[in-house]
Amino acid sequence: MEQQNRRPSEPAPEPEPTPEQLVCSRCGTIAEGTPPTWTCSVENGVRHYFCDACARANIRAIEGRLDSDWW
């Protein structure tokens, strides 16, 4: 019903992730399942997942174990 009230010029809302989907902590990309090219980082006891594009762009910081706040 929410889409019926939307004006034609408005973009469609972003889909909400389900519990089975991963969301990139950097760019918000949603993936189904666990893609083998994504990176998982544990920072302060919290898991953060990064898509392959964000992981590639920040690989040196990830390997240096810098918190994602620094990159």
N, C-alpha and C. Protein backbone atom coordinates (compact mmCIF):
# COMPACT_ATOMS: atom_id res chain seq x y z
N MET A 1 0.80 -1.19 0.00
CA MET A 1 0.00 0.00 0.00
C MET A 1 0.85 1.26 0.00
N GLU A 2 2.02 1.15 0.55
CA GLU A 2 2.90 2.31 0.65
C GLU A 2 3.28 2.83 -0.73
N GLN A 3 3.44 1.94 -1.70
CA GLN A 3 3.83 2.36 -3.03
C GLN A 3 2.70 3.06 -3.76
N GLN A 4 1.44 2.78 -3.39
CA GLN A 4 0.31 3.42 -4.04
C GLN A 4 0.27 4.91 -3.72
N ASN A 5 0.75 5.32 -2.56
CA ASN A 5 0.73 6.72 -2.14
C ASN A 5 1.94 7.48 -2.66
N ARG A 6 2.86 6.81 -3.32
CA ARG A 6 4.09 7.42 -3.80
C ARG A 6 3.83 8.17 -5.10
N ARG A 7 4.40 9.35 -5.22
CA ARG A 7 4.29 10.10 -6.47
C ARG A 7 5.17 9.46 -7.53
N PRO A 8 4.79 9.55 -8.81
CA PRO A 8 5.58 8.91 -9.88
C PRO A 8 7.00 9.46 -9.97
N SER A 9 7.23 10.70 -9.57
CA SER A 9 8.57 11.28 -9.68
C SER A 9 9.49 10.86 -8.54
N GLU A 10 8.94 10.30 -7.47
CA GLU A 10 9.75 9.87 -6.34
C GLU A 10 10.40 8.52 -6.65
N PRO A 11 11.66 8.35 -6.25
CA PRO A 11 12.30 7.05 -6.47
C PRO A 11 11.70 6.00 -5.55
N ALA A 12 11.77 4.75 -5.98
CA ALA A 12 11.28 3.65 -5.15
C ALA A 12 12.13 3.55 -3.89
N PRO A 13 11.53 3.25 -2.76
CA PRO A 13 12.31 3.14 -1.52
C PRO A 13 13.29 1.97 -1.59
N GLU A 14 14.41 2.10 -0.88
CA GLU A 14 15.41 1.03 -0.83
C GLU A 14 14.79 -0.18 -0.13
N PRO A 15 15.05 -1.38 -0.61
CA PRO A 15 14.51 -2.56 0.07
C PRO A 15 15.16 -2.75 1.44
N GLU A 16 14.38 -3.16 2.40
CA GLU A 16 14.90 -3.43 3.74
C GLU A 16 15.54 -4.80 3.75
N PRO A 17 16.73 -4.94 4.36
CA PRO A 17 17.36 -6.25 4.41
C PRO A 17 16.61 -7.20 5.34
N THR A 18 16.59 -8.47 4.97
CA THR A 18 16.01 -9.50 5.82
C THR A 18 17.14 -10.07 6.67
N PRO A 19 16.82 -10.83 7.70
CA PRO A 19 17.88 -11.38 8.56
C PRO A 19 18.91 -12.23 7.82
N GLU A 20 18.54 -12.83 6.67
CA GLU A 20 19.47 -13.67 5.93
C GLU A 20 20.42 -12.86 5.06
N GLN A 21 20.16 -11.57 4.89
CA GLN A 21 20.96 -10.75 3.99
C GLN A 21 22.02 -9.97 4.76
N LEU A 22 23.15 -9.79 4.12
CA LEU A 22 24.22 -8.97 4.68
C LEU A 22 24.14 -7.58 4.09
N VAL A 23 24.54 -6.59 4.88
CA VAL A 23 24.56 -5.21 4.42
C VAL A 23 25.99 -4.70 4.61
N CYS A 24 26.54 -4.09 3.57
CA CYS A 24 27.89 -3.53 3.66
C CYS A 24 27.87 -2.38 4.66
N SER A 25 28.77 -2.43 5.62
CA SER A 25 28.84 -1.40 6.65
C SER A 25 29.34 -0.06 6.12
N ARG A 26 29.92 -0.07 4.95
CA ARG A 26 30.48 1.14 4.37
C ARG A 26 29.51 1.83 3.40
N CYS A 27 28.98 1.08 2.42
CA CYS A 27 28.16 1.70 1.37
C CYS A 27 26.69 1.31 1.42
N GLY A 28 26.34 0.30 2.22
CA GLY A 28 24.94 -0.09 2.34
C GLY A 28 24.44 -1.08 1.32
N THR A 29 25.33 -1.64 0.50
CA THR A 29 24.93 -2.64 -0.48
C THR A 29 24.34 -3.85 0.25
N ILE A 30 23.25 -4.38 -0.28
CA ILE A 30 22.60 -5.54 0.33
C ILE A 30 22.92 -6.78 -0.51
N ALA A 31 23.32 -7.86 0.17
CA ALA A 31 23.64 -9.12 -0.51
C ALA A 31 22.83 -10.24 0.12
N GLU A 32 22.48 -11.21 -0.68
CA GLU A 32 21.80 -12.39 -0.16
C GLU A 32 22.84 -13.45 0.16
N GLY A 33 22.67 -14.10 1.28
CA GLY A 33 23.61 -15.13 1.67
C GLY A 33 24.93 -14.51 2.10
N THR A 34 25.99 -15.28 2.01
CA THR A 34 27.32 -14.81 2.36
C THR A 34 28.20 -14.87 1.12
N PRO A 35 28.37 -13.75 0.41
CA PRO A 35 29.20 -13.76 -0.79
C PRO A 35 30.66 -14.05 -0.41
N PRO A 36 31.33 -14.91 -1.16
CA PRO A 36 32.72 -15.25 -0.82
C PRO A 36 33.69 -14.09 -1.00
N THR A 37 33.31 -13.06 -1.71
CA THR A 37 34.22 -11.93 -1.95
C THR A 37 34.07 -10.82 -0.91
N TRP A 38 33.12 -10.95 0.00
CA TRP A 38 32.94 -9.93 1.04
C TRP A 38 33.91 -10.19 2.19
N THR A 39 34.20 -9.15 2.95
CA THR A 39 35.12 -9.23 4.08
C THR A 39 34.35 -9.01 5.37
N CYS A 40 34.68 -9.78 6.39
CA CYS A 40 34.09 -9.61 7.71
C CYS A 40 35.17 -9.11 8.65
N SER A 41 34.86 -8.07 9.40
CA SER A 41 35.80 -7.51 10.35
C SER A 41 35.09 -7.38 11.70
N VAL A 42 35.76 -7.75 12.78
CA VAL A 42 35.20 -7.60 14.11
C VAL A 42 35.88 -6.39 14.76
N GLU A 43 35.08 -5.38 15.06
CA GLU A 43 35.59 -4.16 15.68
C GLU A 43 34.83 -3.92 16.98
N ASN A 44 35.55 -3.89 18.08
CA ASN A 44 34.94 -3.70 19.41
C ASN A 44 33.84 -4.73 19.68
N GLY A 45 34.07 -5.96 19.24
CA GLY A 45 33.12 -7.05 19.48
C GLY A 45 31.93 -7.07 18.55
N VAL A 46 31.89 -6.20 17.55
CA VAL A 46 30.77 -6.13 16.61
C VAL A 46 31.25 -6.53 15.22
N ARG A 47 30.51 -7.42 14.56
CA ARG A 47 30.86 -7.82 13.20
C ARG A 47 30.44 -6.76 12.19
N HIS A 48 31.35 -6.43 11.29
CA HIS A 48 31.08 -5.51 10.19
C HIS A 48 31.40 -6.25 8.90
N TYR A 49 30.48 -6.18 7.94
CA TYR A 49 30.70 -6.81 6.65
C TYR A 49 30.92 -5.72 5.61
N PHE A 50 31.87 -5.97 4.69
CA PHE A 50 32.20 -5.02 3.64
C PHE A 50 32.12 -5.72 2.29
N CYS A 51 31.44 -5.07 1.34
CA CYS A 51 31.31 -5.65 -0.01
C CYS A 51 32.68 -5.69 -0.67
N ASP A 52 32.77 -6.41 -1.78
CA ASP A 52 34.06 -6.56 -2.44
C ASP A 52 34.63 -5.23 -2.91
N ALA A 53 33.78 -4.31 -3.36
CA ALA A 53 34.28 -3.00 -3.83
C ALA A 53 34.87 -2.18 -2.67
N CYS A 54 34.18 -2.15 -1.55
CA CYS A 54 34.69 -1.39 -0.39
C CYS A 54 35.93 -2.06 0.20
N ALA A 55 35.94 -3.39 0.22
CA ALA A 55 37.10 -4.11 0.74
C ALA A 55 38.32 -3.86 -0.13
N ARG A 56 38.14 -3.88 -1.46
CA ARG A 56 39.28 -3.63 -2.36
C ARG A 56 39.80 -2.20 -2.20
N ALA A 57 38.89 -1.25 -2.07
CA ALA A 57 39.30 0.15 -1.97
C ALA A 57 40.04 0.44 -0.67
N ASN A 58 39.83 -0.39 0.35
CA ASN A 58 40.42 -0.12 1.67
C ASN A 58 41.23 -1.29 2.20
N ILE A 59 41.77 -2.12 1.31
CA ILE A 59 42.46 -3.33 1.73
C ILE A 59 43.66 -3.06 2.63
N ARG A 60 44.39 -1.99 2.37
CA ARG A 60 45.56 -1.69 3.21
C ARG A 60 45.15 -1.36 4.64
N ALA A 61 44.07 -0.62 4.79
CA ALA A 61 43.58 -0.28 6.13
C ALA A 61 43.04 -1.53 6.84
N ILE A 62 42.38 -2.40 6.07
CA ILE A 62 41.86 -3.63 6.66
C ILE A 62 43.00 -4.53 7.12
N GLU A 63 44.01 -4.69 6.27
CA GLU A 63 45.16 -5.53 6.64
C GLU A 63 45.93 -4.92 7.80
N GLY A 64 45.93 -3.60 7.91
CA GLY A 64 46.59 -2.93 9.03
C GLY A 64 45.76 -2.92 10.29
N ARG A 65 44.57 -3.56 10.21
CA ARG A 65 43.65 -3.68 11.33
C ARG A 65 43.19 -2.33 11.89
N LEU A 66 43.06 -1.34 11.00
CA LEU A 66 42.51 -0.06 11.42
C LEU A 66 40.99 -0.18 11.50
N ASP A 67 40.38 0.44 12.50
CA ASP A 67 38.93 0.46 12.57
C ASP A 67 38.37 1.17 11.35
N SER A 68 37.19 0.77 10.91
CA SER A 68 36.60 1.37 9.72
C SER A 68 36.33 2.86 9.89
N ASP A 69 36.25 3.35 11.11
CA ASP A 69 36.09 4.80 11.34
C ASP A 69 37.28 5.58 10.78
N TRP A 70 38.44 4.95 10.70
CA TRP A 70 39.65 5.63 10.23
C TRP A 70 39.71 5.71 8.72
N TRP A 71 38.98 4.85 7.99
CA TRP A 71 39.03 4.91 6.55
C TRP A 71 37.72 5.35 6.02
